[in-house]
């Protein structure tokens, strides 16, 4: 009986101590929030579709059949290179097994005189769904002269909650 109890306790201890691997080899995990935002802006400024796609999570890359076309459309929609922005509002998502952030870049002004609102959704860590690590979606909205969002926008990817 003692052997059985020891074996049960050993199994419980070994399985309780093993956590799912929360790290992947996704490039976003080695970047700070500022670096992620700056890299997304650089990709838009330089029409770098390849690097932008690399920042997306495997789940979005796998599930969004038209992701390459969506990225291309967003690059065509975004006009110019960014000069400034009003603010970056960071909405975070944190739980014991997952951590993400959803920055909103407001009042982004480009050298062509256009103003945009850019919303990025991402996970940096997700223990239960490592395929969610990376950017899941980006929304780019053109702002009107009075800073209200016009009905002109593009969506890239798919929001993952």
N, C-alpha and C. Protein backbone atom coordinates (compact mmCIF):
# COMPACT_ATOMS: atom_id res chain seq x y z
N UNK A 1 0.82 -1.19 0.00
CA UNK A 1 0.00 0.00 0.00
C UNK A 1 0.86 1.26 0.00
N UNK A 2 1.96 1.25 0.79
CA UNK A 2 2.86 2.39 0.84
C UNK A 2 3.46 2.66 -0.54
N UNK A 3 3.82 1.59 -1.25
CA UNK A 3 4.40 1.76 -2.58
C UNK A 3 3.39 2.42 -3.52
N UNK A 4 2.15 1.99 -3.41
CA UNK A 4 1.11 2.56 -4.27
C UNK A 4 0.92 4.05 -3.98
N UNK A 5 0.85 4.42 -2.70
CA UNK A 5 0.68 5.83 -2.33
C UNK A 5 1.87 6.64 -2.79
N UNK A 6 3.09 6.12 -2.62
CA UNK A 6 4.29 6.83 -3.07
C UNK A 6 4.28 7.02 -4.59
N UNK A 7 3.83 5.98 -5.29
CA UNK A 7 3.78 6.08 -6.74
C UNK A 7 2.75 7.13 -7.18
N UNK A 8 1.59 7.18 -6.54
CA UNK A 8 0.56 8.16 -6.87
C UNK A 8 1.07 9.57 -6.58
N UNK A 9 1.71 9.74 -5.44
CA UNK A 9 2.25 11.06 -5.09
C UNK A 9 3.33 11.47 -6.08
N UNK A 10 4.18 10.55 -6.49
CA UNK A 10 5.23 10.86 -7.46
C UNK A 10 4.65 11.29 -8.80
N UNK A 11 3.64 10.57 -9.24
CA UNK A 11 2.99 10.93 -10.51
C UNK A 11 2.38 12.32 -10.42
N UNK A 12 1.70 12.59 -9.30
CA UNK A 12 1.08 13.91 -9.12
C UNK A 12 2.14 15.00 -9.11
N UNK A 13 3.21 14.80 -8.39
CA UNK A 13 4.27 15.80 -8.31
C UNK A 13 4.92 16.04 -9.66
N UNK A 14 5.23 14.98 -10.38
CA UNK A 14 5.89 15.15 -11.68
C UNK A 14 4.99 15.82 -12.71
N UNK A 15 3.72 15.47 -12.70
CA UNK A 15 2.83 16.10 -13.68
C UNK A 15 2.44 17.51 -13.26
N UNK A 16 2.35 17.77 -11.97
CA UNK A 16 2.00 19.12 -11.51
C UNK A 16 3.13 20.10 -11.77
N UNK A 17 4.35 19.62 -11.73
CA UNK A 17 5.49 20.51 -11.92
C UNK A 17 5.79 20.78 -13.38
N UNK A 18 5.23 19.99 -14.26
CA UNK A 18 5.52 20.24 -15.68
C UNK A 18 4.48 21.20 -16.22
N UNK A 19 4.96 22.36 -16.61
CA UNK A 19 4.08 23.37 -17.20
C UNK A 19 4.19 23.30 -18.70
N UNK A 20 3.16 23.69 -19.40
CA UNK A 20 3.27 23.75 -20.84
C UNK A 20 4.36 24.74 -21.23
N UNK A 21 4.98 24.50 -22.35
CA UNK A 21 6.02 25.40 -22.83
C UNK A 21 5.37 26.71 -23.27
N UNK A 22 5.66 27.80 -22.54
CA UNK A 22 5.01 29.07 -22.83
C UNK A 22 5.79 29.88 -23.85
N UNK A 23 6.94 29.41 -24.22
CA UNK A 23 7.76 30.16 -25.18
C UNK A 23 7.79 29.44 -26.52
N UNK A 24 7.75 30.22 -27.54
CA UNK A 24 7.92 29.69 -28.88
C UNK A 24 9.13 30.40 -29.46
N UNK A 25 9.42 30.14 -30.69
CA UNK A 25 10.55 30.84 -31.30
C UNK A 25 10.07 32.03 -32.12
N UNK A 26 8.92 32.57 -31.75
CA UNK A 26 8.35 33.70 -32.49
C UNK A 26 9.17 34.96 -32.20
N UNK A 27 9.49 35.74 -33.24
CA UNK A 27 10.32 36.93 -33.04
C UNK A 27 9.71 37.98 -32.12
N UNK A 28 8.41 38.00 -31.99
CA UNK A 28 7.74 39.02 -31.17
C UNK A 28 8.09 38.87 -29.69
N UNK A 29 8.48 37.66 -29.28
CA UNK A 29 8.75 37.42 -27.87
C UNK A 29 10.04 38.09 -27.39
N UNK A 30 10.92 38.41 -28.29
CA UNK A 30 12.17 39.07 -27.87
C UNK A 30 12.09 40.58 -28.04
N UNK A 31 10.90 41.09 -28.36
CA UNK A 31 10.73 42.52 -28.61
C UNK A 31 9.93 43.17 -27.48
N UNK A 32 10.26 44.42 -27.18
CA UNK A 32 9.46 45.20 -26.23
C UNK A 32 8.21 45.70 -26.95
N UNK A 33 7.27 46.24 -26.19
CA UNK A 33 6.06 46.79 -26.80
C UNK A 33 6.41 47.90 -27.78
N UNK A 34 7.32 48.78 -27.38
CA UNK A 34 7.73 49.87 -28.28
C UNK A 34 8.36 49.34 -29.55
N UNK A 35 9.18 48.30 -29.42
CA UNK A 35 9.83 47.72 -30.60
C UNK A 35 8.82 47.11 -31.56
N UNK A 36 7.80 46.46 -31.01
CA UNK A 36 6.76 45.86 -31.85
C UNK A 36 6.01 46.96 -32.62
N UNK A 37 5.61 48.01 -31.91
CA UNK A 37 4.90 49.12 -32.54
C UNK A 37 5.78 49.76 -33.62
N UNK A 38 7.03 50.03 -33.27
CA UNK A 38 7.94 50.66 -34.23
C UNK A 38 8.20 49.77 -35.45
N UNK A 39 8.26 48.47 -35.23
CA UNK A 39 8.49 47.56 -36.36
C UNK A 39 7.28 47.51 -37.28
N UNK A 40 6.09 47.51 -36.71
CA UNK A 40 4.87 47.54 -37.54
C UNK A 40 4.85 48.84 -38.36
N UNK A 41 5.14 49.96 -37.72
CA UNK A 41 5.16 51.24 -38.44
C UNK A 41 6.24 51.25 -39.52
N UNK A 42 7.41 50.68 -39.23
CA UNK A 42 8.48 50.61 -40.22
C UNK A 42 8.03 49.79 -41.42
N UNK A 43 7.37 48.67 -41.15
CA UNK A 43 6.88 47.82 -42.24
C UNK A 43 5.92 48.59 -43.14
N UNK A 44 5.01 49.35 -42.54
CA UNK A 44 4.08 50.14 -43.34
C UNK A 44 4.81 51.25 -44.10
N UNK A 45 5.72 51.92 -43.43
CA UNK A 45 6.47 53.01 -44.08
C UNK A 45 7.28 52.52 -45.27
N UNK A 46 7.84 51.32 -45.16
CA UNK A 46 8.74 50.80 -46.20
C UNK A 46 8.10 49.73 -47.08
N UNK A 47 6.79 49.51 -46.94
CA UNK A 47 6.08 48.48 -47.70
C UNK A 47 6.74 47.11 -47.55
N UNK A 48 7.15 46.78 -46.34
CA UNK A 48 7.83 45.51 -46.06
C UNK A 48 6.81 44.43 -45.70
N UNK A 49 6.22 43.85 -46.73
CA UNK A 49 5.17 42.84 -46.53
C UNK A 49 5.72 41.56 -45.91
N UNK A 50 6.94 41.21 -46.25
CA UNK A 50 7.54 39.96 -45.75
C UNK A 50 7.72 40.02 -44.24
N UNK A 51 8.33 41.07 -43.74
CA UNK A 51 8.57 41.20 -42.29
C UNK A 51 7.26 41.35 -41.54
N UNK A 52 6.31 42.10 -42.11
CA UNK A 52 5.02 42.25 -41.43
C UNK A 52 4.35 40.89 -41.26
N UNK A 53 4.38 40.08 -42.29
CA UNK A 53 3.76 38.75 -42.19
C UNK A 53 4.46 37.90 -41.14
N UNK A 54 5.77 38.02 -41.00
CA UNK A 54 6.52 37.26 -39.99
C UNK A 54 6.08 37.60 -38.57
N UNK A 55 5.54 38.80 -38.37
CA UNK A 55 5.10 39.22 -37.04
C UNK A 55 3.75 38.62 -36.66
N UNK A 56 3.01 38.10 -37.65
CA UNK A 56 1.70 37.50 -37.36
C UNK A 56 1.87 36.13 -36.71
N UNK A 57 0.88 35.77 -35.91
CA UNK A 57 0.92 34.48 -35.21
C UNK A 57 0.63 33.34 -36.18
N UNK A 58 1.15 32.15 -35.87
CA UNK A 58 0.91 30.99 -36.74
C UNK A 58 -0.58 30.69 -36.97
N UNK A 59 -1.40 30.94 -35.96
CA UNK A 59 -2.84 30.67 -36.10
C UNK A 59 -3.46 31.55 -37.19
N UNK A 60 -3.11 32.82 -37.22
CA UNK A 60 -3.63 33.73 -38.24
C UNK A 60 -3.07 33.36 -39.61
N UNK A 61 -1.78 33.08 -39.66
CA UNK A 61 -1.16 32.71 -40.94
C UNK A 61 -1.82 31.46 -41.51
N UNK A 62 -2.16 30.51 -40.64
CA UNK A 62 -2.79 29.26 -41.08
C UNK A 62 -4.25 29.44 -41.45
N UNK A 63 -4.99 30.24 -40.69
CA UNK A 63 -6.45 30.32 -40.87
C UNK A 63 -6.93 31.39 -41.85
N UNK A 64 -6.15 32.44 -42.02
CA UNK A 64 -6.59 33.52 -42.91
C UNK A 64 -5.99 33.26 -44.29
N UNK A 65 -6.80 32.67 -45.14
CA UNK A 65 -6.34 32.24 -46.45
C UNK A 65 -5.81 33.42 -47.27
N UNK A 66 -6.45 34.56 -47.17
CA UNK A 66 -6.08 35.72 -47.98
C UNK A 66 -5.15 36.68 -47.24
N UNK A 67 -4.35 36.19 -46.28
CA UNK A 67 -3.52 37.08 -45.48
C UNK A 67 -2.54 37.89 -46.34
N UNK A 68 -1.89 37.25 -47.30
CA UNK A 68 -0.95 37.98 -48.17
C UNK A 68 -1.66 39.11 -48.92
N UNK A 69 -2.85 38.83 -49.41
CA UNK A 69 -3.63 39.84 -50.13
C UNK A 69 -4.08 40.96 -49.18
N UNK A 70 -4.47 40.60 -47.95
CA UNK A 70 -4.87 41.61 -46.97
C UNK A 70 -3.70 42.53 -46.63
N UNK A 71 -2.51 41.96 -46.46
CA UNK A 71 -1.32 42.77 -46.16
C UNK A 71 -1.03 43.71 -47.33
N UNK A 72 -1.09 43.18 -48.54
CA UNK A 72 -0.84 44.01 -49.73
C UNK A 72 -1.86 45.15 -49.80
N UNK A 73 -3.12 44.86 -49.56
CA UNK A 73 -4.17 45.88 -49.58
C UNK A 73 -3.92 46.95 -48.51
N UNK A 74 -3.50 46.52 -47.33
CA UNK A 74 -3.22 47.48 -46.25
C UNK A 74 -2.04 48.38 -46.62
N UNK A 75 -1.02 47.80 -47.25
CA UNK A 75 0.14 48.59 -47.67
C UNK A 75 -0.25 49.64 -48.72
N UNK A 76 -1.15 49.27 -49.61
CA UNK A 76 -1.62 50.21 -50.63
C UNK A 76 -2.51 51.29 -50.00
N UNK A 77 -3.28 50.92 -49.00
CA UNK A 77 -4.19 51.84 -48.31
C UNK A 77 -3.42 52.89 -47.51
N UNK A 78 -2.35 52.46 -46.85
CA UNK A 78 -1.53 53.35 -46.03
C UNK A 78 -0.66 54.18 -46.96
N UNK A 79 -0.81 55.48 -46.90
CA UNK A 79 -0.15 56.36 -47.85
C UNK A 79 0.93 57.20 -47.17
N UNK A 80 2.19 56.96 -47.54
CA UNK A 80 3.29 57.78 -47.04
C UNK A 80 4.10 57.11 -45.95
N UNK A 81 4.88 57.94 -45.27
CA UNK A 81 5.70 57.50 -44.14
C UNK A 81 5.25 58.30 -42.92
N UNK A 82 5.22 57.63 -41.77
CA UNK A 82 4.71 58.35 -40.60
C UNK A 82 5.69 59.42 -40.13
N UNK A 83 5.13 60.53 -39.73
CA UNK A 83 5.90 61.65 -39.20
C UNK A 83 5.73 61.76 -37.68
N UNK A 84 4.48 61.56 -37.24
CA UNK A 84 4.18 61.70 -35.82
C UNK A 84 2.86 60.99 -35.51
N UNK A 85 2.54 60.93 -34.25
CA UNK A 85 1.24 60.42 -33.83
C UNK A 85 0.87 61.11 -32.54
N UNK A 86 -0.42 61.15 -32.25
CA UNK A 86 -0.90 61.85 -31.05
C UNK A 86 -0.60 61.05 -29.79
N UNK A 87 -0.93 59.77 -29.82
CA UNK A 87 -0.80 58.97 -28.61
C UNK A 87 -0.78 57.48 -28.97
N UNK A 88 -0.26 56.69 -28.05
CA UNK A 88 -0.38 55.23 -28.15
C UNK A 88 -1.07 54.78 -26.88
N UNK A 89 -2.22 54.20 -27.04
CA UNK A 89 -2.99 53.68 -25.91
C UNK A 89 -2.79 52.18 -25.89
N UNK A 90 -2.24 51.67 -24.81
CA UNK A 90 -1.96 50.24 -24.73
C UNK A 90 -2.98 49.58 -23.83
N UNK A 91 -3.75 48.69 -24.42
CA UNK A 91 -4.71 47.88 -23.68
C UNK A 91 -4.07 46.51 -23.50
N UNK A 92 -3.90 46.09 -22.27
CA UNK A 92 -3.25 44.81 -22.03
C UNK A 92 -4.22 43.71 -21.71
N UNK A 93 -3.78 42.50 -22.00
CA UNK A 93 -4.53 41.30 -21.62
C UNK A 93 -3.55 40.42 -20.87
N UNK A 94 -3.85 40.12 -19.63
CA UNK A 94 -2.93 39.29 -18.85
C UNK A 94 -3.72 38.27 -18.04
N UNK A 95 -3.22 37.08 -18.03
CA UNK A 95 -3.77 36.00 -17.23
C UNK A 95 -2.58 35.15 -16.79
N UNK A 96 -2.85 34.15 -16.01
CA UNK A 96 -1.77 33.30 -15.50
C UNK A 96 -0.98 32.64 -16.63
N UNK A 97 -1.67 32.31 -17.72
CA UNK A 97 -1.01 31.55 -18.78
C UNK A 97 -0.88 32.31 -20.10
N UNK A 98 -1.34 33.57 -20.14
CA UNK A 98 -1.28 34.31 -21.40
C UNK A 98 -1.08 35.79 -21.13
N UNK A 99 -0.37 36.42 -22.04
CA UNK A 99 -0.13 37.85 -21.92
C UNK A 99 -0.13 38.45 -23.31
N UNK A 100 -0.91 39.50 -23.48
CA UNK A 100 -0.97 40.16 -24.77
C UNK A 100 -1.13 41.64 -24.59
N UNK A 101 -0.96 42.36 -25.67
CA UNK A 101 -1.23 43.79 -25.61
C UNK A 101 -1.79 44.22 -26.95
N UNK A 102 -2.66 45.21 -26.87
CA UNK A 102 -3.39 45.70 -28.04
C UNK A 102 -3.21 47.21 -28.16
N UNK A 103 -2.07 47.66 -28.67
CA UNK A 103 -1.86 49.10 -28.77
C UNK A 103 -2.73 49.74 -29.84
N UNK A 104 -3.18 50.95 -29.55
CA UNK A 104 -3.92 51.75 -30.51
C UNK A 104 -3.09 53.02 -30.74
N UNK A 105 -2.68 53.22 -31.98
CA UNK A 105 -1.92 54.40 -32.34
C UNK A 105 -2.91 55.41 -32.89
N UNK A 106 -3.05 56.53 -32.20
CA UNK A 106 -4.05 57.53 -32.59
C UNK A 106 -3.38 58.70 -33.29
N UNK A 107 -4.09 59.27 -34.24
CA UNK A 107 -3.64 60.48 -34.91
C UNK A 107 -2.30 60.35 -35.61
N UNK A 108 -2.05 59.20 -36.22
CA UNK A 108 -0.78 59.00 -36.92
C UNK A 108 -0.78 59.83 -38.21
N UNK A 109 0.13 60.76 -38.32
CA UNK A 109 0.23 61.65 -39.48
C UNK A 109 1.34 61.16 -40.39
N UNK A 110 1.03 61.11 -41.71
CA UNK A 110 2.06 60.72 -42.68
C UNK A 110 2.53 61.94 -43.46
N UNK A 111 3.61 61.75 -44.20
CA UNK A 111 4.18 62.85 -44.98
C UNK A 111 3.31 63.23 -46.18
N UNK A 112 2.23 62.49 -46.41
CA UNK A 112 1.30 62.85 -47.49
C UNK A 112 0.10 63.63 -46.94
N UNK A 113 0.11 63.92 -45.63
CA UNK A 113 -0.97 64.68 -45.02
C UNK A 113 -2.15 63.85 -44.56
N UNK A 114 -2.04 62.54 -44.63
CA UNK A 114 -3.14 61.67 -44.18
C UNK A 114 -2.94 61.32 -42.71
N UNK A 115 -4.09 61.13 -42.03
CA UNK A 115 -4.06 60.74 -40.61
C UNK A 115 -4.73 59.38 -40.47
N UNK A 116 -4.11 58.54 -39.65
CA UNK A 116 -4.60 57.18 -39.45
C UNK A 116 -4.74 56.86 -37.97
N UNK A 117 -5.50 55.81 -37.74
CA UNK A 117 -5.71 55.19 -36.44
C UNK A 117 -5.35 53.73 -36.68
N UNK A 118 -4.38 53.20 -35.95
CA UNK A 118 -3.94 51.82 -36.16
C UNK A 118 -4.10 51.05 -34.86
N UNK A 119 -4.77 49.90 -34.95
CA UNK A 119 -5.01 49.05 -33.79
C UNK A 119 -4.35 47.71 -34.07
N UNK A 120 -3.46 47.29 -33.17
CA UNK A 120 -2.71 46.03 -33.31
C UNK A 120 -3.14 45.09 -32.18
N UNK A 121 -3.50 43.87 -32.52
CA UNK A 121 -3.85 42.86 -31.51
C UNK A 121 -2.76 41.79 -31.49
N UNK A 122 -2.29 41.44 -30.30
CA UNK A 122 -1.20 40.46 -30.25
C UNK A 122 -1.14 39.73 -28.91
N UNK A 123 -0.48 38.59 -28.94
CA UNK A 123 -0.09 37.85 -27.74
C UNK A 123 1.42 37.74 -27.76
N UNK A 124 2.04 37.93 -26.60
CA UNK A 124 3.47 37.75 -26.46
C UNK A 124 3.74 36.37 -25.85
N UNK A 125 2.83 35.92 -24.99
CA UNK A 125 2.91 34.59 -24.36
C UNK A 125 1.51 34.01 -24.34
N UNK A 126 1.40 32.71 -24.64
CA UNK A 126 0.14 32.01 -24.49
C UNK A 126 0.46 30.53 -24.27
N UNK A 127 0.44 30.12 -23.01
CA UNK A 127 0.85 28.76 -22.63
C UNK A 127 -0.06 27.69 -23.21
N UNK A 128 -1.35 27.96 -23.23
CA UNK A 128 -2.30 26.95 -23.70
C UNK A 128 -2.43 26.92 -25.22
N UNK A 129 -2.14 28.04 -25.87
CA UNK A 129 -2.24 28.13 -27.32
C UNK A 129 -1.02 28.86 -27.87
N UNK A 130 0.14 28.20 -27.91
CA UNK A 130 1.34 28.88 -28.38
C UNK A 130 1.24 29.36 -29.83
N UNK A 131 0.32 28.79 -30.59
CA UNK A 131 0.13 29.23 -31.98
C UNK A 131 -0.53 30.61 -32.06
N UNK A 132 -0.97 31.16 -30.92
CA UNK A 132 -1.55 32.50 -30.86
C UNK A 132 -0.48 33.58 -30.65
N UNK A 133 0.77 33.18 -30.37
CA UNK A 133 1.82 34.15 -30.09
C UNK A 133 2.21 34.89 -31.37
N UNK A 134 2.10 36.20 -31.31
CA UNK A 134 2.36 37.06 -32.46
C UNK A 134 1.17 37.99 -32.66
N UNK A 135 1.19 38.71 -33.73
CA UNK A 135 0.08 39.61 -34.05
C UNK A 135 -1.04 38.79 -34.67
N UNK A 136 -2.27 39.02 -34.20
CA UNK A 136 -3.40 38.30 -34.80
C UNK A 136 -4.12 39.18 -35.81
N UNK A 137 -4.17 40.49 -35.55
CA UNK A 137 -4.83 41.37 -36.50
C UNK A 137 -4.33 42.80 -36.38
N UNK A 138 -4.47 43.53 -37.47
CA UNK A 138 -4.16 44.97 -37.51
C UNK A 138 -5.30 45.65 -38.25
N UNK A 139 -5.82 46.72 -37.65
CA UNK A 139 -6.84 47.55 -38.30
C UNK A 139 -6.22 48.90 -38.59
N UNK A 140 -6.39 49.38 -39.82
CA UNK A 140 -5.89 50.69 -40.21
C UNK A 140 -7.09 51.50 -40.69
N UNK A 141 -7.37 52.60 -39.98
CA UNK A 141 -8.51 53.45 -40.34
C UNK A 141 -8.01 54.82 -40.74
N UNK A 142 -8.57 55.34 -41.80
CA UNK A 142 -8.29 56.69 -42.25
C UNK A 142 -9.12 57.65 -41.41
N UNK A 143 -8.49 58.70 -40.90
CA UNK A 143 -9.19 59.67 -40.07
C UNK A 143 -9.66 60.84 -40.93
N UNK A 144 -10.82 61.37 -40.60
CA UNK A 144 -11.35 62.53 -41.30
C UNK A 144 -10.68 63.81 -40.85
N UNK A 145 -11.01 64.89 -41.46
CA UNK A 145 -10.43 66.19 -41.13
C UNK A 145 -10.73 66.58 -39.68
N UNK A 146 -11.87 66.13 -39.17
CA UNK A 146 -12.23 66.46 -37.79
C UNK A 146 -11.80 65.36 -36.81
N UNK A 147 -10.87 64.49 -37.24
CA UNK A 147 -10.33 63.39 -36.44
C UNK A 147 -11.34 62.30 -36.13
N UNK A 148 -12.48 62.30 -36.79
CA UNK A 148 -13.40 61.18 -36.63
C UNK A 148 -13.00 60.10 -37.63
N UNK A 149 -13.21 58.87 -37.24
CA UNK A 149 -12.86 57.77 -38.14
C UNK A 149 -13.84 57.75 -39.30
N UNK A 150 -13.31 57.78 -40.50
CA UNK A 150 -14.16 57.65 -41.66
C UNK A 150 -14.54 56.18 -41.82
N UNK A 151 -15.41 55.90 -42.75
CA UNK A 151 -15.79 54.51 -43.00
C UNK A 151 -14.77 53.81 -43.88
N UNK A 152 -13.62 54.42 -44.06
CA UNK A 152 -12.58 53.85 -44.89
C UNK A 152 -11.53 53.20 -44.00
N UNK A 153 -11.43 51.89 -44.09
CA UNK A 153 -10.46 51.17 -43.27
C UNK A 153 -10.14 49.83 -43.91
N UNK A 154 -9.05 49.24 -43.45
CA UNK A 154 -8.69 47.89 -43.87
C UNK A 154 -8.39 47.06 -42.63
N UNK A 155 -8.68 45.79 -42.75
CA UNK A 155 -8.40 44.84 -41.67
C UNK A 155 -7.43 43.80 -42.22
N UNK A 156 -6.44 43.49 -41.42
CA UNK A 156 -5.48 42.43 -41.77
C UNK A 156 -5.52 41.39 -40.67
N UNK A 157 -5.70 40.14 -41.05
CA UNK A 157 -5.72 39.07 -40.07
C UNK A 157 -7.08 38.84 -39.47
N UNK A 158 -7.05 38.28 -38.26
CA UNK A 158 -8.28 37.87 -37.59
C UNK A 158 -8.07 38.03 -36.08
N UNK A 159 -8.94 38.80 -35.45
CA UNK A 159 -8.82 39.04 -34.01
C UNK A 159 -8.95 37.72 -33.24
N UNK A 160 -8.02 37.49 -32.34
CA UNK A 160 -8.07 36.30 -31.47
C UNK A 160 -8.21 36.79 -30.05
N UNK A 161 -9.26 36.33 -29.39
CA UNK A 161 -9.52 36.76 -28.01
C UNK A 161 -8.66 36.01 -27.03
